[in-house]
Protein backbone atom coordinates (compact mmCIF):
# COMPACT_ATOMS: atom_id res chain seq x y z
CA MET A 1 -12.89 -21.34 -13.45
CA LYS A 2 -9.76 -21.69 -15.08
CA ILE A 3 -8.22 -18.08 -16.02
CA LYS A 4 -6.59 -18.03 -19.10
CA LYS A 5 -6.27 -14.33 -19.88
CA ILE A 6 -6.26 -11.47 -17.58
CA LEU A 7 -6.42 -7.36 -18.30
CA ILE A 8 -4.29 -5.23 -16.01
CA ALA A 9 -6.02 -2.20 -15.00
CA ASN A 10 -3.15 -0.32 -14.12
CA ARG A 11 0.50 0.93 -15.25
CA GLY A 12 4.14 1.21 -13.75
CA GLU A 13 5.83 -1.21 -12.02
CA ILE A 14 2.53 -2.81 -10.44
CA ALA A 15 1.28 -3.82 -13.78
CA CYS A 16 4.93 -5.24 -14.93
CA ARG A 17 4.91 -7.23 -11.70
CA ILE A 18 1.61 -8.85 -12.13
CA MET A 19 2.72 -9.78 -15.91
CA GLN A 20 5.64 -11.36 -14.63
CA THR A 21 3.54 -13.84 -12.87
CA CYS A 22 1.06 -14.16 -15.57
CA LYS A 23 4.38 -15.15 -17.90
CA LYS A 24 5.27 -17.64 -15.53
CA LEU A 25 1.77 -19.32 -15.22
CA GLU A 26 1.33 -19.11 -19.14
CA ILE A 27 -1.51 -16.83 -18.82
CA ALA A 28 -2.20 -13.99 -21.41
CA THR A 29 -1.95 -10.07 -20.32
CA VAL A 30 -3.72 -7.21 -21.73
CA ALA A 31 -2.79 -3.53 -21.02
CA ILE A 32 -4.32 -0.41 -20.90
CA TYR A 33 -2.46 2.79 -21.52
CA ALA A 34 -2.63 6.89 -21.94
CA GLU A 35 -1.16 8.52 -25.06
CA ILE A 36 1.90 9.63 -23.14
CA GLU A 37 2.80 6.02 -22.30
CA ARG A 38 2.32 4.56 -25.83
CA HIS A 39 6.18 3.28 -25.20
CA ALA A 40 6.17 2.27 -21.70
CA ARG A 41 7.61 -1.18 -20.31
CA HIS A 42 3.95 -2.16 -19.09
CA VAL A 43 2.68 -1.74 -22.64
CA GLN A 44 5.60 -3.93 -24.32
CA MET A 45 5.57 -6.52 -21.87
CA ALA A 46 1.89 -7.24 -22.63
CA ASP A 47 0.77 -9.60 -25.28
CA GLN A 48 -2.01 -7.00 -26.35
CA ALA A 49 -2.24 -3.39 -25.56
CA PHE A 50 -5.00 -0.98 -26.13
CA LEU A 51 -4.72 2.96 -25.89
CA LEU A 52 -7.69 4.65 -24.08
CA ALA A 53 -8.49 8.20 -24.87
CA ALA A 54 -9.06 10.16 -21.83
CA ASP A 55 -8.98 13.94 -20.74
CA THR A 56 -5.69 13.72 -18.99
CA PRO A 57 -3.34 10.72 -18.81
CA THR A 58 -4.57 9.91 -14.89
CA ALA A 59 -8.28 9.25 -16.37
CA THR A 60 -7.24 6.65 -18.73
CA TYR A 61 -6.88 4.45 -15.66
CA LEU A 62 -9.91 5.62 -14.21
CA ASP A 63 -12.15 5.09 -17.12
CA ALA A 64 -14.07 1.94 -15.40
CA GLU A 65 -16.45 1.75 -18.50
CA ALA A 66 -13.94 1.60 -21.09
CA ILE A 67 -11.51 -0.56 -19.52
CA ILE A 68 -14.48 -3.21 -19.00
CA THR A 69 -15.29 -2.78 -22.48
CA ILE A 70 -11.66 -3.71 -23.87
CA ALA A 71 -11.99 -6.50 -21.46
CA LYS A 72 -14.92 -7.89 -22.74
CA GLU A 73 -14.29 -7.47 -26.60
CA ASN A 74 -10.97 -9.57 -26.17
CA GLN A 75 -12.64 -12.25 -23.97
CA VAL A 76 -10.85 -11.42 -20.67
CA ASP A 77 -11.49 -14.03 -17.95
CA ALA A 78 -10.22 -11.68 -15.12
CA ILE A 79 -9.02 -8.02 -14.42
CA HIS A 80 -6.50 -7.23 -11.84
CA PRO A 81 -6.64 -3.79 -10.58
CA GLY A 82 -3.04 -3.68 -9.07
CA TYR A 83 -3.08 -1.16 -6.29
CA GLY A 84 -4.34 2.72 -6.33
CA PHE A 85 -6.63 3.85 -8.88
CA LEU A 86 -9.53 1.62 -9.46
CA SER A 87 -8.70 -0.90 -6.96
CA GLU A 88 -10.64 -0.25 -4.00
CA ARG A 89 -13.48 0.96 -6.13
CA THR A 90 -16.74 -0.98 -5.17
CA GLU A 91 -18.57 -0.03 -8.31
CA PHE A 92 -15.42 -1.50 -10.38
CA ALA A 93 -15.61 -4.77 -8.86
CA GLU A 94 -19.53 -4.68 -9.20
CA LYS A 95 -19.27 -3.77 -12.93
CA ILE A 96 -16.70 -6.53 -13.89
CA THR A 97 -18.66 -9.15 -12.17
CA GLN A 98 -21.94 -8.10 -14.07
CA ALA A 99 -20.04 -8.36 -16.98
CA GLY A 100 -19.19 -11.98 -16.42
CA MET A 101 -15.53 -11.58 -15.25
CA ILE A 102 -13.62 -12.09 -12.46
CA PHE A 103 -12.34 -9.24 -10.37
CA ILE A 104 -8.98 -10.01 -8.65
CA GLY A 105 -9.81 -8.16 -5.63
CA ALA A 106 -11.84 -8.39 -2.60
CA PRO A 107 -15.21 -9.48 -2.06
CA ILE A 108 -17.55 -6.16 -2.85
CA ALA A 109 -19.04 -6.61 0.54
CA ALA A 110 -15.62 -5.89 2.00
CA LEU A 111 -14.63 -3.30 -0.33
CA GLU A 112 -17.60 -1.48 0.79
CA LEU A 113 -17.35 -1.98 4.44
CA MET A 114 -13.56 -1.15 4.78
CA GLY A 115 -14.13 2.22 2.51
CA SER A 116 -14.96 3.46 5.47
CA LYS A 117 -13.13 3.86 8.21
CA ALA A 118 -16.08 4.27 10.82
CA ALA A 119 -17.70 1.53 9.65
CA ALA A 120 -14.91 -0.81 9.61
CA LYS A 121 -13.45 0.56 13.38
CA LYS A 122 -17.25 -0.86 14.46
CA THR A 123 -16.83 -4.00 12.72
CA MET A 124 -13.56 -4.73 14.26
CA ILE A 125 -14.42 -3.37 17.65
CA LYS A 126 -17.26 -6.15 17.58
CA ALA A 127 -14.65 -8.58 16.52
CA GLY A 128 -12.68 -8.02 19.69
CA VAL A 129 -9.72 -6.29 17.50
CA PRO A 130 -8.19 -3.78 19.78
CA CYS A 131 -8.87 -0.41 18.17
CA VAL A 132 -7.48 3.26 19.36
CA PRO A 133 -9.45 5.03 21.60
CA GLY A 134 -12.04 7.65 19.85
CA PHE A 135 -15.39 8.45 18.33
CA HIS A 136 -16.29 6.43 15.05
CA GLY A 137 -20.11 7.38 14.81
CA ASP A 138 -22.33 9.09 12.36
CA GLN A 139 -23.02 12.23 14.20
CA GLN A 140 -21.07 15.06 12.91
CA GLU A 141 -22.08 18.23 14.27
CA THR A 142 -19.24 20.70 15.30
CA ASP A 143 -20.36 20.81 19.00
CA PHE A 144 -21.00 17.42 19.20
CA LEU A 145 -17.84 16.39 17.96
CA GLN A 146 -15.59 19.05 20.02
CA ALA A 147 -17.30 17.09 23.19
CA LYS A 148 -16.58 14.00 22.23
CA ALA A 149 -12.70 15.28 21.44
CA ASP A 150 -12.59 16.54 24.66
CA GLU A 151 -13.57 13.07 25.98
CA VAL A 152 -11.13 11.42 24.29
CA GLY A 153 -8.22 13.99 25.15
CA TYR A 154 -5.27 15.66 23.60
CA PRO A 155 -3.48 15.05 21.35
CA LEU A 156 -6.04 13.83 19.16
CA LEU A 157 -6.35 13.14 15.54
CA ILE A 158 -8.76 13.86 13.08
CA LYS A 159 -9.46 11.54 10.16
CA ALA A 160 -11.36 11.64 6.95
CA SER A 161 -13.51 8.52 7.02
CA ALA A 162 -13.12 7.77 3.32
CA GLY A 163 -9.52 8.74 3.39
CA GLY A 164 -5.89 7.90 3.05
CA GLY A 165 -2.48 9.09 2.15
CA GLY A 166 -2.81 11.96 4.85
CA LYS A 167 -5.44 13.82 3.23
CA GLY A 168 -8.20 15.00 5.61
CA MET A 169 -5.96 14.03 8.75
CA LYS A 170 -5.27 16.71 11.27
CA ILE A 171 -3.25 16.56 14.42
CA VAL A 172 -5.07 18.59 17.52
CA ASN A 173 -2.69 19.68 20.44
CA LYS A 174 -5.29 21.26 22.72
CA SER A 175 -9.40 21.71 22.89
CA SER A 176 -9.29 25.30 21.60
CA GLU A 177 -7.53 24.32 18.35
CA PHE A 178 -10.56 21.89 17.36
CA SER A 179 -13.04 23.55 15.45
CA GLU A 180 -10.34 25.19 13.13
CA ALA A 181 -8.88 21.89 12.53
CA LEU A 182 -12.02 19.87 12.00
CA LEU A 183 -13.19 22.61 9.49
CA SER A 184 -9.69 22.11 7.62
CA ALA A 185 -10.09 18.36 7.93
CA LYS A 186 -13.33 18.45 6.57
CA ARG A 187 -12.76 20.98 3.40
CA GLU A 188 -9.54 18.67 2.34
CA ALA A 189 -11.96 15.48 2.66
CA ILE A 190 -14.69 16.77 0.65
CA LYS A 191 -12.19 17.92 -2.00
CA SER A 192 -10.26 14.72 -2.27
CA PHE A 193 -13.24 12.03 -1.18
CA GLY A 194 -16.58 13.58 -1.98
CA ASN A 195 -17.03 12.84 1.81
CA ASP A 196 -16.35 15.19 4.79
CA HIS A 197 -17.38 12.36 7.47
CA VAL A 198 -14.57 12.19 9.88
CA ILE A 199 -13.62 9.88 12.90
CA LEU A 200 -11.64 10.89 16.06
CA GLU A 201 -9.06 9.25 17.58
CA ARG A 202 -6.32 9.59 20.40
CA PHE A 203 -3.02 10.46 18.64
CA ILE A 204 -0.18 8.11 19.74
CA THR A 205 2.73 10.11 19.84
CA ARG A 206 5.63 7.55 19.33
CA PRO A 207 3.70 5.29 16.51
CA LYS A 208 5.03 2.28 14.85
CA HIS A 209 3.27 1.02 11.77
CA ILE A 210 3.26 -2.77 11.64
CA GLU A 211 0.95 -4.52 9.19
CA VAL A 212 -0.14 -8.37 9.10
CA GLN A 213 -0.19 -9.51 5.42
CA VAL A 214 -3.45 -11.99 5.47
CA PHE A 215 -4.81 -14.22 2.83
CA ALA A 216 -8.13 -15.83 2.78
CA ASP A 217 -10.19 -18.27 -0.13
CA ALA A 218 -13.66 -18.97 -0.47
CA HIS A 219 -13.38 -22.20 1.31
CA GLY A 220 -13.30 -20.75 4.74
CA ASN A 221 -9.31 -20.73 5.14
CA VAL A 222 -7.51 -17.77 6.56
CA VAL A 223 -3.63 -17.55 7.05
CA HIS A 224 -1.30 -14.75 7.89
CA LEU A 225 2.10 -14.25 6.16
CA PHE A 226 3.67 -12.72 9.01
CA GLU A 227 4.41 -8.65 9.55
CA ARG A 228 6.21 -5.90 7.68
CA ASP A 229 7.49 -2.93 9.68
CA CYS A 230 6.61 0.44 7.69
CA SER A 231 7.57 3.14 10.28
CA SER A 232 9.67 4.76 7.94
CA GLN A 233 7.32 7.17 6.40
CA ARG A 234 7.34 11.39 5.22
CA ARG A 235 4.33 12.67 4.82
CA TYR A 236 2.23 9.64 6.15
CA GLN A 237 3.63 7.75 2.84
CA LYS A 238 6.18 5.05 3.21
CA ILE A 239 9.25 4.80 1.97
CA VAL A 240 11.32 2.07 3.62
CA GLU A 241 9.56 -1.18 4.35
CA GLU A 242 10.92 -4.32 6.18
CA ALA A 243 9.61 -7.84 6.97
CA PRO A 244 9.94 -9.02 9.68
CA SER A 245 9.57 -6.63 12.50
CA THR A 246 12.38 -6.48 14.76
CA CYS A 247 11.20 -3.95 16.98
CA ILE A 248 8.11 -6.05 19.02
CA ASN A 249 8.60 -9.26 21.08
CA GLN A 250 7.22 -12.62 19.84
CA ASP A 251 4.13 -12.57 22.31
CA THR A 252 3.09 -9.08 20.90
CA LYS A 253 2.98 -10.74 17.27
CA ASN A 254 1.39 -13.69 18.20
CA LYS A 255 -1.42 -11.58 19.47
CA MET A 256 -1.25 -9.16 16.20
CA TYR A 257 -1.49 -12.26 13.91
CA ALA A 258 -4.57 -13.17 15.92
CA ALA A 259 -6.04 -10.27 15.84
CA ALA A 260 -5.44 -9.88 12.03
CA VAL A 261 -6.90 -13.38 11.16
CA ALA A 262 -9.96 -12.54 13.40
CA ALA A 263 -10.67 -9.09 11.45
CA THR A 264 -10.21 -11.01 8.02
CA LYS A 265 -12.79 -13.24 9.41
CA ALA A 266 -15.25 -10.77 10.50
CA VAL A 267 -15.75 -9.07 7.06
CA ASN A 268 -15.72 -12.57 5.30
CA TYR A 269 -12.62 -11.51 3.12
CA GLN A 270 -11.21 -13.44 0.23
CA GLY A 271 -8.19 -12.63 -1.56
CA ALA A 272 -5.09 -10.71 -0.15
CA GLY A 273 -5.45 -7.99 2.52
CA THR A 274 -3.31 -6.20 4.98
CA ILE A 275 -4.31 -5.45 8.49
CA GLU A 276 -2.68 -2.07 9.34
CA PHE A 277 -1.81 -1.73 13.36
CA ILE A 278 -0.32 1.39 14.97
CA VAL A 279 1.95 0.50 17.70
CA GLU A 280 2.96 1.97 20.84
CA ASP A 281 5.68 -0.10 22.79
CA ASP A 282 3.39 -3.57 23.32
CA ASN A 283 0.15 -2.14 22.71
CA PHE A 284 -1.36 -2.38 19.04
CA PHE A 285 -4.61 -0.88 17.84
CA PHE A 286 -6.31 -1.69 14.28
CA MET A 287 -5.69 1.20 12.20
CA GLU A 288 -7.14 0.07 8.80
CA MET A 289 -7.81 -2.64 6.39
CA ASN A 290 -6.13 -2.38 3.06
CA THR A 291 -8.40 -4.73 0.40
CA ARG A 292 -5.97 -5.03 -2.33
CA LEU A 293 -2.05 -6.06 -2.67
CA GLN A 294 0.34 -3.93 -1.21
CA VAL A 295 3.16 -1.66 -2.60
CA GLU A 296 5.65 -3.48 -0.08
CA HIS A 297 4.29 -7.39 -0.90
CA ARG A 298 7.49 -8.39 -2.03
CA VAL A 299 9.31 -8.16 1.30
CA THR A 300 6.54 -10.61 2.46
CA GLU A 301 7.26 -12.80 -0.57
CA MET A 302 10.99 -12.87 0.12
CA ILE A 303 10.69 -13.99 3.94
CA THR A 304 8.04 -16.82 2.89
CA ALA A 305 9.29 -17.81 -0.55
CA THR A 306 5.63 -17.06 -2.05
CA ASP A 307 4.42 -15.36 -5.22
CA LEU A 308 1.42 -13.43 -3.79
CA VAL A 309 0.00 -12.41 -7.14
CA GLN A 310 0.09 -15.99 -8.15
CA TRP A 311 -1.70 -16.70 -4.61
CA GLN A 312 -4.47 -13.78 -5.84
CA ILE A 313 -5.15 -15.57 -9.37
CA HIS A 314 -5.35 -19.18 -7.85
CA VAL A 315 -8.01 -17.88 -5.13
CA ALA A 316 -9.49 -16.00 -7.62
CA ALA A 317 -10.14 -18.74 -9.66
CA GLY A 318 -12.21 -20.60 -6.70
CA ASN A 319 -9.10 -22.63 -5.52
CA ALA A 320 -8.19 -23.01 -1.68
CA LEU A 321 -4.93 -21.39 -0.45
CA PRO A 322 -1.96 -23.03 -1.54
CA LEU A 323 -0.30 -23.44 1.87
CA LYS A 324 -1.83 -24.03 5.54
CA GLN A 325 -0.66 -21.78 7.71
CA SER A 326 1.63 -24.69 9.61
CA GLU A 327 3.38 -24.50 6.06
CA ILE A 328 4.03 -20.63 5.96
CA HIS A 329 7.34 -19.98 7.65
CA CYS A 330 9.40 -17.04 7.93
CA LYS A 331 12.89 -17.06 7.21
CA GLY A 332 15.63 -14.44 7.03
CA HIS A 333 14.96 -10.39 6.39
CA ALA A 334 14.16 -8.53 3.53
CA ILE A 335 14.12 -4.70 3.35
CA GLN A 336 12.29 -2.60 0.20
CA ALA A 337 13.31 0.77 -0.63
CA ARG A 338 11.15 2.87 -2.64
CA ILE A 339 13.42 4.99 -5.18
CA TYR A 340 11.49 8.44 -6.00
CA ALA A 341 12.05 11.43 -8.18
CA GLU A 342 11.94 13.93 -5.63
CA ASP A 343 13.99 16.70 -4.11
CA SER A 344 14.13 14.75 -0.64
CA PHE A 345 16.02 17.81 1.18
CA HIS A 346 13.70 20.55 -0.03
CA GLY A 347 10.07 19.09 1.32
CA PHE A 348 10.18 16.01 -0.91
CA LEU A 349 8.77 17.75 -3.63
CA PRO A 350 8.07 15.53 -6.83
CA ALA A 351 10.72 16.11 -9.79
CA THR A 352 9.98 15.64 -13.05
CA GLY A 353 12.20 15.43 -16.46
CA LEU A 354 13.84 12.90 -19.04
CA LEU A 355 15.75 10.13 -17.42
CA GLN A 356 18.95 9.97 -19.42
CA ASP A 357 20.62 7.23 -17.78
CA LEU A 358 19.24 4.75 -15.76
CA GLN A 359 21.19 1.76 -14.06
CA PHE A 360 20.09 -0.71 -11.21
CA CYS A 361 22.15 -2.93 -9.26
CA TYR A 362 20.79 -6.42 -9.65
CA GLY A 363 22.18 -9.58 -7.97
CA GLU A 364 21.36 -12.34 -5.82
CA ASN A 365 18.32 -12.29 -3.32
CA THR A 366 17.51 -8.64 -4.73
CA ILE A 367 14.74 -7.58 -7.18
CA ILE A 368 14.16 -4.49 -9.18
CA ASP A 369 10.64 -3.73 -9.37
CA THR A 370 9.95 -0.84 -11.92
CA GLY A 371 7.86 0.29 -14.80
CA ILE A 372 10.94 2.81 -15.99
CA GLU A 373 13.48 2.87 -18.55
CA LYS A 374 16.15 5.01 -19.98
CA SER A 375 14.73 7.88 -22.22
CA ASN A 376 11.40 7.53 -20.19
CA ASN A 377 9.93 10.77 -18.73
CA ILE A 378 9.02 11.32 -15.33
CA SER A 379 5.83 13.23 -15.63
CA ILE A 380 3.57 15.21 -13.32
CA HIS A 381 0.82 13.24 -14.11
CA PHE A 382 2.05 9.79 -12.05
CA ASP A 383 3.27 9.01 -8.74
CA PRO A 384 7.00 9.51 -9.26
CA MET A 385 8.46 6.41 -8.01
CA ILE A 386 10.97 5.11 -10.65
CA ALA A 387 11.47 1.78 -8.53
CA LYS A 388 11.44 -0.47 -5.62
CA THR A 389 14.66 -2.24 -4.73
CA VAL A 390 14.04 -5.15 -2.42
CA CYS A 391 16.61 -7.29 -1.00
CA TRP A 392 16.82 -10.23 1.55
CA ALA A 393 19.55 -11.53 3.69
CA PRO A 394 19.88 -14.14 6.28
CA ASP A 395 19.23 -11.36 9.04
CA ARG A 396 18.74 -7.61 9.21
CA GLN A 397 22.30 -6.45 9.55
CA GLN A 398 23.39 -8.30 6.41
CA CYS A 399 20.16 -7.15 4.55
CA ILE A 400 20.90 -3.43 5.60
CA ASP A 401 24.24 -3.51 4.36
CA LYS A 402 22.91 -4.95 1.08
CA VAL A 403 20.22 -2.48 0.60
CA LEU A 404 23.01 0.25 0.91
CA HIS A 405 25.21 -1.45 -1.23
CA ASN A 406 22.17 -1.60 -3.78
CA LEU A 407 21.58 2.00 -3.65
CA ASP A 408 24.90 3.05 -3.75
CA HIS A 409 25.72 1.30 -6.90
CA THR A 410 22.13 2.51 -8.44
CA PHE A 411 22.49 5.41 -11.08
CA ILE A 412 19.74 7.55 -12.20
CA VAL A 413 20.71 10.77 -14.52
CA GLY A 414 18.20 13.48 -15.36
CA VAL A 415 16.06 13.67 -12.42
CA LYS A 416 16.63 14.56 -8.58
CA THR A 417 16.05 11.49 -6.81
CA ASN A 418 16.09 10.09 -3.10
CA LEU A 419 18.71 8.05 -3.42
CA GLY A 420 21.05 9.72 -1.11
CA PHE A 421 18.24 10.23 1.32
CA LEU A 422 17.38 6.21 1.58
CA SER A 423 21.06 5.69 1.80
CA GLN A 424 21.30 8.28 5.24
CA LEU A 425 18.09 6.90 6.27
CA ILE A 426 19.13 3.32 6.66
CA ASN A 427 22.16 3.96 7.50
CA SER A 428 21.21 6.07 10.35
CA ASN A 429 21.21 4.67 14.02
CA ASP A 430 17.88 5.29 14.10
CA PHE A 431 16.86 2.94 11.57
CA LYS A 432 19.31 -0.14 12.95
CA GLN A 433 18.00 0.70 16.60
CA ASN A 434 14.49 0.79 15.20
CA THR A 435 13.87 4.07 16.89
CA ILE A 436 12.15 5.55 13.75
CA PHE A 437 8.70 6.42 14.28
CA THR A 438 5.87 7.18 11.65
CA ASN A 439 6.43 10.80 12.50
CA SER A 440 9.99 11.21 12.98
CA LEU A 441 10.44 12.43 9.29
CA ASP A 442 7.91 15.03 9.80
CA ASN A 443 8.43 16.17 13.55
CA GLY A 444 11.94 17.45 13.22
CA SER A 445 12.94 14.34 15.41
CA LEU A 446 15.19 12.75 12.72
CA LYS A 447 17.41 14.88 10.74
CA ILE A 448 18.63 13.56 7.50
CA ASP A 449 21.52 15.78 6.35
CA ILE A 450 22.32 16.74 2.29
CA PRO A 451 24.89 14.00 1.29
């Protein structure tokens, strides 16, 4: 089926990013927006835009019924969910399909399976993909889980099975702390996800977060597009991502690629996906599969000279993958820095306010993804990310220099930002020597001074 019109069920920089590719492909676009975003950049970019009335601005982008109604009334062929909001909601994908439209995302069965960390781990173990030692079963009685935790050993991680973003996640250092941490994790899980099921895993003390980009079509083809290092995190959220990884050897990489492809095949996947691994030295373990486009997909595009949104649309229309594995090559190095409105030196507290001035640093082999413009408000209702600055260079050191130049020549007035924090982080010896771990910014082992 040829896709001629797409509704983007999202906002901000990802909605703008998807529209860029649609415009290139001469595909008409439909935007939705909350009242406070009437003049937002994604609304201006779209061929058509519709206000959705909701109790809160956030609820606008979660109203599946209203979104599908607008799509049907405007002869939309497909809906792209972007990331966040409804992008991994099984019910949303089902309703789109039932309405006779294409969901530009993962198959419904894969969404359902990967939505449960416990079920996902069981599937991966069966497929021979390495997993962190732990307990991923259904039994949830406190005494039983305490016994299982003692078996796995400490330090141990309690994780909400339906969770993400660090919610419902607790580190337990000794047996006597387990029951209290379990209750706390379950309370968070039920509040955030409506499900208090948890899994237990051995806690890796010096973890690297390495993920492999995968893509699959309806014709049985599965490829990987190499890996990304996303170890620079705060509070379990990524702030700097790069590709390829330079902290693991080629033999380990090849094993990870094979495991990622096996994992993708194990769930009969289609579309863009990411297999996330936690890495310790030369050992890697499956963490989870993200069944959508990632915020950091741009670094993969830059090292492989691909357009992953174009690939998504191509595959969703029923076509075979544009390239075979042997035709996908990794060239150079790319780094993405996420520019946030936040006070990075006081607990990373989100900042709000009017953007009085906004000047990005554009240039060759540089991408600025943003949904924000001068005179826009950063509100409490949405993620405070202002933009992503993504740079490519022939090697890692040149890329680091390029990103630092880019950050130093970006000017934002009106709200506090993490520009100075990002510059200091990327310019640190820890970053340059690959000794930043996912917990470095949270456990005090890496100190970033106020500039």
